[in-house]
Each structure stands twice: as C-alpha cells, then as structure tokens.
Protein backbone atom coordinates (compact mmCIF):
# COMPACT_ATOMS: atom_id res chain seq x y z
CA MET A 1 -45.73 -34.83 -4.37
CA LEU A 2 -47.67 -35.28 -8.14
CA SER A 3 -44.88 -37.65 -9.10
CA VAL A 4 -46.08 -40.19 -6.34
CA ARG A 5 -49.82 -40.19 -7.69
CA ARG A 6 -48.52 -40.57 -11.15
CA PHE A 7 -45.99 -43.24 -10.76
CA PRO A 8 -46.14 -45.02 -7.29
CA ASP A 9 -44.82 -47.86 -8.32
CA LYS A 10 -42.00 -46.33 -10.71
CA THR A 11 -38.66 -45.93 -9.37
CA ALA A 12 -37.68 -42.96 -8.39
CA LEU A 13 -34.05 -43.53 -6.48
CA ILE A 14 -31.24 -45.87 -7.38
CA PHE A 15 -28.36 -45.77 -4.89
CA GLU A 16 -25.22 -48.12 -4.58
CA GLY A 17 -27.52 -51.09 -5.73
CA GLN A 18 -30.52 -49.95 -3.34
CA ARG A 19 -34.11 -49.19 -5.15
CA LEU A 20 -36.87 -47.15 -3.88
CA SER A 21 -40.09 -46.22 -5.43
CA TYR A 22 -42.30 -43.16 -5.73
CA SER A 23 -44.41 -44.54 -2.86
CA GLN A 24 -41.59 -46.08 -0.99
CA ALA A 25 -39.50 -42.90 -1.22
CA ASN A 26 -42.72 -40.71 -0.05
CA SER A 27 -43.65 -43.23 3.06
CA ARG A 28 -39.91 -42.58 4.21
CA ILE A 29 -40.20 -38.85 3.22
CA ASN A 30 -43.33 -38.79 5.71
CA ARG A 31 -42.05 -40.95 8.47
CA ILE A 32 -38.78 -38.45 8.57
CA ALA A 33 -41.83 -35.29 8.48
CA ASN A 34 -43.58 -36.37 11.26
CA GLY A 35 -40.50 -37.38 13.16
CA LEU A 36 -39.15 -34.03 13.09
CA ALA A 37 -42.67 -32.22 13.57
CA ALA A 38 -42.84 -34.79 16.88
CA LEU A 39 -39.33 -33.21 17.81
CA GLY A 40 -40.77 -30.02 17.68
CA VAL A 41 -39.77 -28.51 14.02
CA LYS A 42 -41.95 -25.82 13.35
CA ALA A 43 -42.75 -24.14 10.01
CA GLY A 44 -39.98 -21.51 9.55
CA ASP A 45 -37.19 -23.19 11.78
CA LYS A 46 -34.12 -24.13 10.29
CA VAL A 47 -33.05 -27.84 9.91
CA ALA A 48 -29.53 -28.27 8.62
CA PHE A 49 -28.28 -32.03 6.87
CA LEU A 50 -24.69 -33.11 6.86
CA PHE A 51 -24.47 -36.06 4.03
CA PRO A 52 -22.11 -37.38 1.49
CA ASN A 53 -24.35 -38.25 -1.88
CA CYS A 54 -27.09 -40.68 -1.26
CA MET A 55 -30.68 -41.15 -0.60
CA GLU A 56 -30.86 -39.60 2.94
CA ILE A 57 -29.90 -35.92 1.12
CA VAL A 58 -33.18 -36.39 -1.08
CA LEU A 59 -35.72 -37.49 1.76
CA ILE A 60 -34.74 -35.52 4.20
CA TYR A 61 -34.82 -32.06 1.90
CA TYR A 62 -38.78 -33.36 1.01
CA ALA A 63 -39.13 -34.07 4.47
CA ILE A 64 -38.38 -30.63 5.87
CA GLN A 65 -40.43 -29.35 2.91
CA LYS A 66 -43.58 -30.94 3.49
CA ILE A 67 -43.25 -29.31 7.01
CA GLY A 68 -42.48 -25.88 6.12
CA ALA A 69 -39.30 -25.83 7.97
CA VAL A 70 -36.28 -24.56 6.33
CA ALA A 71 -33.56 -26.85 4.76
CA VAL A 72 -30.20 -26.21 5.21
CA PRO A 73 -27.34 -28.24 3.17
CA LEU A 74 -23.64 -28.41 4.43
CA ASN A 75 -21.01 -29.73 2.89
CA PHE A 76 -19.84 -33.07 3.81
CA ARG A 77 -15.90 -32.15 3.37
CA LEU A 78 -16.98 -29.40 6.24
CA ILE A 79 -14.37 -29.33 9.49
CA PRO A 80 -15.73 -28.98 12.47
CA ARG A 81 -15.22 -25.69 12.91
CA GLU A 82 -17.10 -24.98 10.13
CA ILE A 83 -19.80 -27.34 10.71
CA ALA A 84 -20.27 -25.46 14.18
CA LEU A 85 -20.47 -21.66 12.31
CA LEU A 86 -22.47 -22.47 9.50
CA THR A 87 -25.49 -24.24 11.66
CA ASP A 88 -25.02 -21.05 13.92
CA ARG A 89 -24.63 -18.97 11.37
CA SER A 90 -28.22 -20.12 9.81
CA ASP A 91 -29.47 -20.19 13.47
CA SER A 92 -30.69 -24.52 12.76
CA SER A 93 -32.26 -25.52 15.72
CA VAL A 94 -31.41 -29.35 14.50
CA LEU A 95 -28.13 -31.34 12.47
CA VAL A 96 -28.81 -34.36 10.76
CA TYR A 97 -26.02 -36.06 9.81
CA SER A 98 -24.71 -39.59 8.69
CA ALA A 99 -22.87 -41.66 10.95
CA ASP A 100 -19.77 -41.51 8.84
CA PHE A 101 -19.76 -37.79 10.12
CA ALA A 102 -20.29 -38.77 13.88
CA GLU A 103 -16.94 -37.72 15.30
CA LYS A 104 -16.63 -34.37 13.28
CA VAL A 105 -19.97 -33.04 14.93
CA GLU A 106 -18.81 -34.46 18.25
CA GLN A 107 -15.68 -32.11 17.49
CA ALA A 108 -17.86 -29.36 16.47
CA GLY A 109 -19.39 -28.53 20.15
CA LEU A 110 -22.72 -27.04 18.71
CA LYS A 111 -24.82 -25.20 20.79
CA GLU A 112 -26.88 -27.01 23.15
CA SER A 113 -29.94 -25.32 21.62
CA CYS A 114 -29.10 -26.89 18.56
CA LEU A 115 -30.92 -30.73 18.46
CA LYS A 116 -28.28 -33.59 17.41
CA VAL A 117 -30.02 -36.41 14.85
CA CYS A 118 -27.97 -39.25 13.65
CA SER A 119 -28.60 -41.44 10.58
CA ARG A 120 -27.93 -44.66 12.71
CA ARG A 121 -28.66 -45.46 16.65
CA GLY A 122 -25.68 -45.13 19.11
CA CYS A 123 -23.80 -41.94 18.02
CA GLY A 124 -24.47 -39.44 20.96
CA SER A 125 -27.16 -37.88 19.24
CA SER A 126 -30.51 -37.15 20.78
CA CYS A 127 -31.96 -39.88 18.43
CA SER A 128 -31.76 -41.37 15.16
CA LEU A 129 -33.21 -41.64 11.75
CA GLU A 130 -33.47 -45.26 12.05
CA GLU A 131 -35.41 -44.84 14.91
CA ILE A 132 -37.78 -42.10 13.68
CA GLU A 133 -38.79 -44.03 10.46
CA GLU A 134 -39.20 -46.99 12.76
CA GLN A 135 -41.39 -45.53 15.18
CA GLN A 136 -43.15 -42.74 13.11
CA PRO A 137 -46.31 -43.30 10.93
CA ASP A 138 -46.40 -42.79 6.99
CA ARG A 139 -49.12 -40.93 6.91
CA GLU A 140 -49.06 -37.26 5.25
CA PRO A 141 -48.35 -34.31 7.33
CA GLU A 142 -50.47 -31.08 6.49
CA LEU A 143 -48.78 -30.04 3.64
CA PHE A 144 -47.14 -26.06 4.14
CA ARG A 145 -48.53 -24.05 1.76
CA ASP A 146 -46.37 -20.45 1.85
CA GLU A 147 -44.47 -20.09 -2.00
CA ASN A 148 -43.00 -16.88 -0.22
CA ALA A 149 -41.87 -18.37 2.41
CA VAL A 150 -37.90 -19.53 2.70
CA SER A 151 -37.52 -22.67 1.20
CA ARG A 152 -33.54 -22.95 2.21
CA ILE A 153 -30.58 -21.59 3.13
CA GLN A 154 -28.00 -22.65 0.95
CA PHE A 155 -24.23 -21.76 1.72
CA THR A 156 -22.05 -20.25 -1.11
CA GLY A 157 -18.93 -18.67 -1.73
CA GLY A 158 -15.20 -19.25 -0.93
CA SER A 159 -13.19 -20.56 1.66
CA THR A 160 -12.25 -17.13 3.01
CA GLY A 161 -14.19 -14.53 4.75
CA ILE A 162 -17.89 -14.39 6.00
CA PRO A 163 -19.81 -17.61 4.65
CA LYS A 164 -23.37 -16.63 2.50
CA GLY A 165 -26.10 -18.04 3.20
CA VAL A 166 -28.77 -17.53 -0.04
CA MET A 167 -32.29 -17.62 1.06
CA ARG A 168 -34.14 -19.02 -1.86
CA THR A 169 -38.07 -19.27 -1.31
CA HIS A 170 -40.32 -22.18 -2.53
CA CYS A 171 -41.59 -19.73 -5.50
CA GLN A 172 -37.86 -19.02 -6.33
CA ASP A 173 -36.96 -22.77 -6.24
CA LEU A 174 -40.27 -23.72 -8.52
CA CYS A 175 -39.50 -20.95 -11.30
CA GLU A 176 -36.00 -22.26 -11.48
CA LEU A 177 -37.39 -26.05 -11.85
CA MET A 178 -39.63 -25.15 -14.92
CA GLY A 179 -36.98 -23.08 -16.41
CA GLU A 180 -34.21 -26.27 -16.68
CA MET A 181 -37.66 -28.68 -17.29
CA LEU A 182 -38.25 -26.38 -20.25
CA TYR A 183 -34.68 -25.48 -21.70
CA CYS A 184 -33.62 -29.23 -21.41
CA LYS A 185 -36.55 -30.76 -22.01
CA LEU A 186 -36.91 -33.08 -18.92
CA GLY A 187 -40.45 -34.51 -18.60
CA SER A 188 -40.55 -34.91 -22.06
CA GLY A 189 -40.99 -38.46 -22.12
CA PRO A 190 -42.52 -41.03 -19.18
CA ASP A 191 -39.09 -43.25 -19.33
CA ASN A 192 -36.27 -40.45 -18.90
CA VAL A 193 -33.54 -41.55 -16.31
CA VAL A 194 -31.32 -39.07 -14.94
CA MET A 195 -27.70 -39.42 -13.17
CA ILE A 196 -26.08 -37.28 -11.01
CA GLN A 197 -22.22 -37.13 -10.41
CA CYS A 198 -21.81 -33.61 -8.82
CA PRO A 199 -23.05 -33.43 -4.73
CA LEU A 200 -26.64 -33.26 -4.27
CA GLU A 201 -25.99 -31.13 -1.20
CA HIS A 202 -24.67 -27.87 -3.76
CA HIS A 203 -26.99 -25.69 -5.86
CA GLY A 204 -26.67 -27.42 -9.34
CA GLY A 205 -27.21 -31.08 -7.90
CA HIS A 206 -30.44 -29.83 -6.23
CA SER A 207 -31.81 -28.22 -9.28
CA TRP A 208 -31.21 -31.59 -11.44
CA PHE A 209 -32.65 -34.10 -8.42
CA THR A 210 -35.28 -31.67 -7.79
CA ALA A 211 -35.89 -31.22 -11.26
CA ALA A 212 -35.62 -35.02 -12.29
CA LEU A 213 -38.57 -36.15 -9.66
CA SER A 214 -40.73 -33.25 -10.53
CA SER A 215 -40.73 -35.10 -13.75
CA GLY A 216 -41.11 -38.41 -12.59
CA ALA A 217 -37.61 -39.57 -13.82
CA THR A 218 -35.82 -41.87 -12.04
CA LEU A 219 -32.84 -40.76 -10.70
CA ILE A 220 -29.55 -42.54 -9.86
CA ILE A 221 -27.13 -40.57 -7.23
CA CYS A 222 -23.57 -41.47 -7.60
CA SER A 223 -21.40 -41.32 -4.57
CA ALA A 224 -18.51 -39.60 -6.65
CA TYR A 225 -16.46 -40.10 -9.83
CA ASP A 226 -16.13 -43.35 -10.91
CA PRO A 227 -16.51 -44.80 -14.36
CA GLU A 228 -17.13 -47.84 -14.38
CA LYS A 229 -20.08 -47.65 -11.97
CA ILE A 230 -21.00 -44.73 -14.31
CA LEU A 231 -20.74 -46.59 -17.25
CA ASP A 232 -22.79 -49.30 -16.18
CA ASN A 233 -25.44 -47.14 -14.50
CA ILE A 234 -25.82 -45.86 -18.44
CA GLU A 235 -25.99 -49.28 -20.02
CA LYS A 236 -27.65 -51.37 -17.34
CA GLU A 237 -30.42 -48.26 -16.51
CA HIS A 238 -30.44 -46.33 -19.93
CA VAL A 239 -29.61 -43.44 -18.52
CA SER A 240 -30.76 -40.03 -20.72
CA TYR A 241 -29.80 -37.67 -18.88
CA MET A 242 -26.25 -36.89 -17.11
CA LEU A 243 -24.98 -34.40 -15.01
CA LEU A 244 -20.76 -34.59 -14.36
CA LEU A 245 -18.85 -31.71 -12.86
CA PRO A 246 -16.39 -30.15 -14.21
CA PRO A 247 -16.52 -30.36 -17.91
CA THR A 248 -13.29 -31.96 -17.52
CA THR A 249 -14.83 -35.12 -15.90
CA TYR A 250 -16.39 -35.61 -19.22
CA MET A 251 -12.97 -35.83 -20.54
CA ARG A 252 -11.56 -38.00 -17.95
CA LEU A 253 -14.60 -40.33 -18.67
CA CYS A 254 -13.95 -40.48 -22.53
CA GLU A 255 -10.19 -40.99 -22.02
CA TYR A 256 -11.17 -43.88 -19.27
CA PRO A 257 -9.88 -46.92 -21.11
CA GLY A 258 -12.91 -49.26 -20.47
CA THR A 259 -15.49 -46.70 -21.82
CA ALA A 260 -14.51 -47.96 -25.60
CA GLY A 261 -17.12 -50.36 -26.59
CA ARG A 262 -20.02 -49.63 -24.24
CA ASP A 263 -23.04 -48.90 -25.21
CA LEU A 264 -24.02 -45.09 -24.58
CA SER A 265 -26.59 -44.87 -26.76
CA SER A 266 -29.58 -44.21 -24.32
CA VAL A 267 -27.54 -40.62 -23.76
CA LYS A 268 -30.06 -37.67 -24.67
CA VAL A 269 -28.01 -35.01 -22.54
CA ALA A 270 -25.03 -34.39 -20.96
CA GLN A 271 -24.87 -31.23 -18.97
CA SER A 272 -21.77 -29.68 -17.66
CA ALA A 273 -20.97 -26.32 -15.83
CA ALA A 274 -18.32 -25.18 -13.24
CA GLY A 275 -15.44 -24.66 -15.57
CA GLY A 276 -14.20 -23.79 -19.08
CA THR A 277 -14.63 -26.14 -22.23
CA THR A 278 -12.07 -26.55 -24.91
CA PRO A 279 -12.77 -27.52 -28.44
CA GLU A 280 -10.87 -31.03 -27.53
CA ILE A 281 -13.34 -31.79 -24.84
CA ILE A 282 -16.75 -30.93 -26.72
CA SER A 283 -14.98 -32.86 -29.90
CA ARG A 284 -14.83 -35.99 -27.26
CA MET A 285 -18.02 -35.84 -25.63
CA LYS A 286 -19.75 -35.56 -29.24
CA SER A 287 -17.70 -38.99 -30.14
CA THR A 288 -18.63 -40.64 -27.00
CA PHE A 289 -22.22 -39.62 -26.58
CA PRO A 290 -23.66 -39.84 -30.05
CA ASN A 291 -26.84 -39.47 -29.82
CA ALA A 292 -26.70 -36.68 -27.00
CA GLU A 293 -27.07 -32.97 -27.16
CA ILE A 294 -24.03 -31.07 -25.34
CA TYR A 295 -24.94 -28.41 -22.73
CA TYR A 296 -23.09 -25.98 -20.76
CA GLY A 297 -24.39 -23.54 -18.57
CA TRP A 298 -23.55 -20.07 -16.06
CA GLY A 299 -25.55 -20.40 -12.89
CA GLN A 300 -25.19 -18.87 -9.41
CA THR A 301 -27.24 -20.26 -6.20
CA GLU A 302 -28.11 -16.47 -6.06
CA SER A 303 -29.47 -16.54 -9.41
CA GLY A 304 -31.38 -19.98 -9.64
CA LEU A 305 -31.20 -19.94 -13.53
CA GLY A 306 -28.55 -18.81 -15.62
CA SER A 307 -27.89 -19.31 -19.14
CA THR A 308 -27.46 -22.50 -21.49
CA LEU A 309 -25.66 -23.24 -24.56
CA ILE A 310 -26.08 -26.14 -26.90
CA LEU A 311 -22.80 -26.97 -27.74
CA ASP A 312 -23.86 -27.84 -30.94
CA GLU A 313 -24.31 -24.24 -31.33
CA ALA A 314 -20.64 -23.64 -30.39
CA SER A 315 -19.57 -22.59 -34.08
CA GLU A 316 -21.78 -20.12 -34.10
CA ALA A 317 -21.10 -18.65 -30.63
CA ARG A 318 -17.15 -17.75 -31.13
CA GLY A 319 -16.45 -14.52 -30.13
CA GLU A 320 -13.18 -12.93 -29.54
CA SER A 321 -12.54 -13.57 -26.35
CA GLY A 322 -14.01 -15.70 -23.41
CA CYS A 323 -15.68 -18.42 -22.49
CA CYS A 324 -19.51 -18.96 -24.23
CA VAL A 325 -22.10 -19.29 -22.01
CA GLY A 326 -24.65 -19.13 -24.31
CA ARG A 327 -28.24 -17.48 -23.76
CA PRO A 328 -30.25 -16.59 -21.04
CA MET A 329 -32.53 -19.77 -19.67
CA PRO A 330 -36.52 -19.04 -19.71
CA PHE A 331 -37.95 -16.52 -17.30
CA MET A 332 -34.26 -15.29 -16.91
CA GLU A 333 -33.08 -12.05 -18.38
CA MET A 334 -29.38 -10.87 -18.74
CA LYS A 335 -27.31 -7.52 -19.31
CA ILE A 336 -24.08 -6.10 -18.99
CA VAL A 337 -23.74 -3.02 -17.33
CA ASP A 338 -21.15 -0.69 -15.96
CA GLU A 339 -21.14 0.91 -12.65
CA ASN A 340 -24.09 3.04 -12.64
CA TRP A 341 -26.20 0.34 -13.78
CA GLN A 342 -26.23 1.66 -17.14
CA GLN A 343 -26.70 -1.19 -19.84
CA LEU A 344 -23.46 -1.58 -22.13
CA PRO A 345 -23.29 -1.86 -25.79
CA ASP A 346 -22.70 -5.56 -27.45
CA GLY A 347 -18.85 -6.06 -27.34
CA GLU A 348 -18.51 -4.09 -24.49
CA PRO A 349 -17.65 -5.86 -21.30
CA GLY A 350 -18.46 -5.63 -18.09
CA GLU A 351 -20.79 -6.90 -15.01
CA LEU A 352 -23.53 -9.08 -15.56
CA ALA A 353 -26.78 -8.22 -14.08
CA VAL A 354 -29.69 -10.45 -13.97
CA ARG A 355 -33.43 -10.16 -13.02
CA SER A 356 -35.97 -13.24 -12.65
CA PRO A 357 -38.62 -14.42 -10.53
CA SER A 358 -35.81 -17.20 -9.61
CA CYS A 359 -33.15 -15.02 -8.29
CA MET A 360 -32.46 -15.32 -4.49
CA LYS A 361 -34.70 -13.66 -1.85
CA GLY A 362 -31.39 -12.47 -0.20
CA TYR A 363 -28.15 -13.21 2.44
CA TYR A 364 -29.85 -14.60 5.46
CA GLY A 365 -28.56 -12.46 8.18
CA GLN A 366 -26.34 -9.98 5.99
CA PRO A 367 -28.69 -7.25 4.69
CA GLU A 368 -25.96 -4.89 3.84
CA LEU A 369 -24.33 -7.43 1.35
CA THR A 370 -27.88 -8.29 0.39
CA GLU A 371 -28.26 -4.48 -0.58
CA LYS A 372 -24.97 -3.96 -2.51
CA LEU A 373 -26.03 -6.73 -5.32
CA MET A 374 -29.43 -5.29 -5.73
CA GLY A 375 -30.55 -2.70 -8.02
CA PRO A 376 -33.28 -0.86 -9.58
CA GLU A 377 -36.02 -2.59 -11.18
CA GLY A 378 -35.42 -6.02 -9.66
CA TRP A 379 -32.32 -6.34 -10.78
CA MET A 380 -29.15 -8.26 -9.84
CA LEU A 381 -25.35 -8.09 -9.83
CA THR A 382 -23.34 -11.31 -10.24
CA GLY A 383 -19.93 -10.40 -10.23
CA ASP A 384 -19.09 -11.56 -13.28
CA ILE A 385 -17.54 -9.90 -15.99
CA MET A 386 -19.01 -10.77 -19.43
CA TYR A 387 -20.38 -9.31 -22.48
CA ARG A 388 -22.50 -9.97 -25.46
CA ASP A 389 -22.54 -10.32 -28.61
CA ARG A 390 -24.64 -9.10 -31.18
CA ARG A 391 -26.59 -12.41 -31.46
CA GLY A 392 -27.20 -12.63 -28.08
CA TYR A 393 -24.79 -15.20 -26.67
CA PHE A 394 -22.98 -13.91 -23.60
CA TYR A 395 -19.26 -14.69 -23.10
CA MET A 396 -17.47 -15.07 -19.37
CA LEU A 397 -14.31 -13.15 -18.72
CA SER A 398 -13.59 -13.24 -15.25
CA ARG A 399 -14.87 -13.00 -11.79
CA LYS A 400 -14.98 -9.27 -11.05
CA LYS A 401 -12.45 -9.84 -8.08
CA ASN A 402 -10.23 -11.73 -10.52
CA VAL A 403 -9.09 -8.93 -13.29
CA ILE A 404 -5.42 -8.15 -13.48
CA LYS A 405 -4.54 -4.56 -13.96
CA SER A 406 -0.99 -5.14 -15.61
CA GLY A 407 0.81 -1.76 -16.97
CA GLY A 408 -2.77 -0.01 -16.86
CA GLU A 409 -4.44 -2.93 -19.38
CA ASN A 410 -7.52 -5.27 -17.38
CA VAL A 411 -6.50 -8.84 -17.48
CA PHE A 412 -9.37 -11.12 -17.55
CA CYS A 413 -8.16 -14.32 -15.46
CA GLU A 414 -10.47 -16.63 -17.09
CA ASP A 415 -9.79 -15.39 -20.45
CA VAL A 416 -6.33 -16.28 -20.31
CA GLU A 417 -7.08 -19.79 -18.60
CA ASN A 418 -9.46 -20.85 -21.32
CA VAL A 419 -6.14 -20.50 -23.90
CA ILE A 420 -4.25 -22.24 -21.77
CA LYS A 421 -5.80 -25.02 -21.53
CA MET A 422 -6.17 -25.27 -25.16
CA HIS A 423 -2.38 -26.12 -24.66
CA PRO A 424 -1.84 -30.25 -25.44
CA ALA A 425 0.18 -30.65 -22.35
CA VAL A 426 -2.01 -28.63 -20.11
CA GLN A 427 -4.47 -30.21 -17.70
CA GLU A 428 -5.56 -27.76 -15.94
CA CYS A 429 -4.59 -24.13 -15.02
CA VAL A 430 -4.96 -20.90 -12.67
CA VAL A 431 -3.96 -17.97 -13.77
CA LEU A 432 -2.52 -15.30 -10.72
CA GLY A 433 -1.67 -11.74 -10.64
CA VAL A 434 1.37 -11.28 -9.06
CA PRO A 435 3.57 -8.18 -7.95
CA ASP A 436 5.36 -6.60 -10.58
CA GLN A 437 7.97 -3.80 -10.59
CA ARG A 438 7.50 -2.53 -14.03
CA LEU A 439 3.70 -3.22 -14.85
CA ASP A 440 2.70 -3.40 -11.10
CA GLU A 441 1.13 -6.35 -11.20
CA ALA A 442 1.97 -9.35 -14.06
CA VAL A 443 0.22 -12.33 -14.90
CA MET A 444 1.56 -15.65 -13.72
CA ALA A 445 0.11 -19.34 -15.18
CA VAL A 446 0.21 -22.19 -12.48
CA VAL A 447 -0.33 -25.55 -14.21
CA GLN A 448 -0.88 -29.38 -14.25
CA LEU A 449 0.37 -30.64 -16.48
CA LYS A 450 -1.04 -34.05 -18.44
CA GLU A 451 0.82 -36.99 -17.50
CA GLY A 452 4.48 -37.32 -19.27
CA LYS A 453 4.33 -33.81 -20.58
CA SER A 454 6.16 -30.59 -20.30
CA LEU A 455 5.85 -26.68 -20.72
CA THR A 456 8.49 -23.80 -20.66
CA LEU A 457 7.20 -20.85 -20.11
CA PRO A 458 8.31 -19.39 -23.97
CA GLU A 459 6.33 -22.31 -25.06
CA LEU A 460 3.45 -21.14 -23.24
CA GLN A 461 4.00 -17.65 -24.05
CA GLU A 462 4.14 -18.79 -27.80
CA HIS A 463 1.45 -20.56 -27.61
CA CYS A 464 -0.84 -17.56 -26.00
CA LYS A 465 0.54 -15.51 -28.90
CA LYS A 466 -1.91 -16.81 -31.24
CA TYR A 467 -5.23 -16.58 -29.14
CA LEU A 468 -4.49 -13.31 -27.01
CA ALA A 469 -2.90 -9.69 -27.06
CA SER A 470 0.74 -9.91 -26.24
CA TYR A 471 0.26 -8.17 -22.34
CA LYS A 472 -2.09 -11.11 -21.17
CA LYS A 473 0.34 -13.06 -21.65
CA PRO A 474 1.74 -15.08 -18.59
CA LEU A 475 4.93 -13.41 -17.90
CA TYR A 476 5.75 -16.42 -15.15
CA LEU A 477 4.62 -19.75 -14.93
CA GLU A 478 4.81 -22.48 -12.44
CA THR A 479 3.80 -25.95 -12.31
CA VAL A 480 1.85 -28.21 -9.54
CA ASP A 481 0.97 -31.99 -9.09
CA ASN A 482 -2.57 -30.88 -8.56
CA LEU A 483 -4.60 -28.15 -8.43
CA ASN A 484 -6.93 -29.65 -5.76
CA MET A 485 -10.57 -29.34 -7.14
CA ASP A 486 -12.73 -29.13 -4.81
CA ASP A 487 -16.07 -31.05 -4.94
CA ALA A 488 -17.97 -28.91 -6.87
CA GLY A 489 -14.81 -28.97 -9.82
CA LYS A 490 -14.02 -25.67 -8.82
CA ILE A 491 -10.44 -24.46 -8.01
CA ARG A 492 -9.83 -21.94 -5.06
CA ARG A 493 -7.31 -19.30 -5.93
CA GLU A 494 -6.31 -18.63 -2.35
CA ASN A 495 -5.38 -21.97 -2.10
CA ILE A 496 -3.14 -22.37 -5.04
CA ARG A 497 -1.76 -18.22 -4.21
CA LYS A 498 -1.09 -19.95 -0.73
CA ILE A 499 1.28 -22.46 -2.28
CA ILE A 500 2.88 -20.38 -4.50
CA GLU A 501 3.46 -17.90 -2.25
CA GLY A 502 5.07 -21.16 0.09
CA ARG A 503 7.69 -21.08 -2.69
CA SER A 504 9.23 -18.04 -2.66
C-alpha cells in the first residue's frame, strides 16, 4: 500500500482502544497473506470471512487482495443455513471467522472442501489467525497484478429469492475509490480522520474504509451505534469525515442528550445514505455539525459509484416529488430510460440506467440475471424508478418492484414514504400495496411513531394532501412498535408484510 510507504508511523486503525500504525497494520496483513498462501490459497480462489465490525475485516481483506484471491465478505447477522448457502454459492475454499461465531459456523455444516480458520485457537477449526500471525513471516508476498481479475464477490439483495453475488474487479474498485476521493475531497490533507459506523462488510463500509486508507487517513471503526463512543471519538481524535447509516442515525445522535456542549467542530464531511432525509434531519445536522458539508447519496453494489448531493444545495434541488439524490459522481453517467432503452425527457419517470468503469462485471454464477441488466454501449439498469430535472438533479421515486398500481395510477412507495416521514409524529414508515376491491391495489402506511405520539388515518391523510395527489394518500394505516431496520439501515418490506398479514 502506498500509504504504508508514505506514512509508516502514522495511526492507520483505531478500534475499541486498539491502535495500529500503517507499518504495524501492513505487517499483520502480510502475515495473514503468507498464512493463506501456506494453506494453499492461490490467485482466483475465493476466501469468505465472517466478522462483526473490527480491525480483522480490514486486515483480512487486504491480505486476500495481495495474493490475488477473491474476497467474499459475509454479513455477520447471517444464520447458519445462510452461511452455508453463501459460502457454497460463491465456491469459497476458505472461511475465516470470528470466534464469536464458532457455534454458528459449526451448525452451518460447511462442505469438507471449505477450510475453516477461526480467529482464536481452540474453536474446532483447522487453524487460527492467532497461529498464522505467530508463525508466518511479515515479508511482502509477491504482489498480485491483474486489474481485470475479480477482487471480491459482494452479496446483495433482500432476504428472499436467490442471493446475488456481485463480482467486482480490481479496476472497478479502483475507479470507485478515485471517484469517492474526488467528490468528498478525501486526501486533501495529511491529518484526516475517518469514522465509520456502518457495517464494513457492506459495500458502503467497504468503499469508505478503502478510500480512507488509500488516502493515508486514520480510520476509526465503530462496533455499533453508540452515541457516547461516537461523540468521544469526534472530540478526542478530531474526526473530520464520518459515515453514519441511515440518515435517521444522525437524528438520533443530534437528539441524544449528551450531544449538547460537545465540540464537534472538527467534522468537515458528514455522509449518509440508505434512507430518505427530511427537512428536520437536515436542519438538525447543520446545527449539530456547524463546519460540515452534509452529503447524501445514491449508489449500488452493482454500480460502484453513484450520485451525491451536498445538502447545502437542497434548496436548489427541489422536485415536485421524490427524494433528491443529487448529480452523478465523477466517472459516472446516469440517464432515465423506458423499457426499450430510449432516454426519457426531463421530468418523466422511468428506470435509471448507469454507465461507468466502476460498474460490476456481473453476478457470480448467474449469467442470465446479469444479461437482464446489461444494455447497449455499456449501460446497466438499476431497478430504481427516478426522474431528472432540467438542472441535472436526479430524484428517487421507488424501486421498480415497489410500485403500487392503484386505480390504474402508479404510486411510488418511496415517494409516499418521504412525505409521511415529514409528519411530526412519525419516526419511520413503510408503504405497501394491499388488495382492494375497488382500486385493485390500495396504499397502506405502516408507521413506527415517535415516543409518546399518536396518529390517526384521517390525520395522516390530511397531512399527505398537502404534498401528494389524492390517489397517492394511504387508505389504510397500521402502527407498529418497531420496523426493525437491518444493519445497513434498510427496512425489509417482505418482513413487514408478513407482520401485517399475521394481524389480519
């Protein structure tokens, strides 16, 4: 890593009181890389890893990259059956895992051909990271150099259906890296400190930790959302860049009683995504982080790069509907197309298509699914319904599969959700289409209320009438105690639908 040569003694990683300099981190990476090679891992072999947020995710990832193997990060919340499914579907020959998950891995019943490497001794695995780091030299392995080879297989998608393993090459990830560093000016100074709260094994977390370390910044890894630790880090380490997901996490931090009086002036960039913003969230973020540019963006694992919006521009970027996701990032092209790949005029909704050197190679082992997304001249469909205004801003209306056909009219779920979230009683919400004798499908709002608040259907409808056409307003309202976001800040609609169906 260039940063190791430039800043050998600078702190690279901070996690739960542990600190590693760039040279110390590189030494551990080399030991792991040499250990994997000694176990027979070759260029092109798939190595899965299963860890909660911690330094080991970063060290293992770079060790895999140095020897030309393919990284397969797994969500640490997976159950045993899913661990077995994804290691098998990715053809992983090795699974490296945290000792905290030894029981889950044992229950998964992996194939004998998949070698198990636990983080600690005595977990029933063939060997451990502890042993590897003790026994292996820290000399640099022969560096793998093939920009078009697959770098990682990143699983994405919901909890139902066939998991999609996004193949990303070294070149695609490097393009994404450069685009991110340009748009948020990461690398602009030698003293940047980046703090990440979202899961490192997800695409967003991966993008930010690689960008931070490539620029020579100090990276602070948060194990989970803990407001006291986040605030302590900002003050003590002078955090300049931070990534919290989803946007409501910033609201929780702004409203946390311990935030008042803290010195948060070091924060230059506050980034979020994976959920809609509201004027209230933007206002609170601006007052809490007075020196920060506030970024909100759209992106996919498949696209690598995406779009970004500096929220100081929000007054300029106001569409008639939808959540503004900004303009394309460097090296990214975006356009709105119809079902025949014809570009649609500004203001007309359609499916977003993207083109970039950062776009994926395809889905691993699923060529037919890959082919459905790929279009002429390198364009790729995203499955997102958006429109573009005349100034070049893009607005998210809905996932293509989340369009409700109500009385012959298209209702975009996310469009309605963004309006409902503006109600002062609403903490979070999901909009679903439900069967209706008159309309075929009707709009239902499933709402998590703020503590001590109440909301009736007529009150919600009156609120929606101010911002939405009448046919878009909810005809049904259900309240729940918790919408149970996953660790990427997303709410799984299929799970909410099951809860509602169970009540009927």
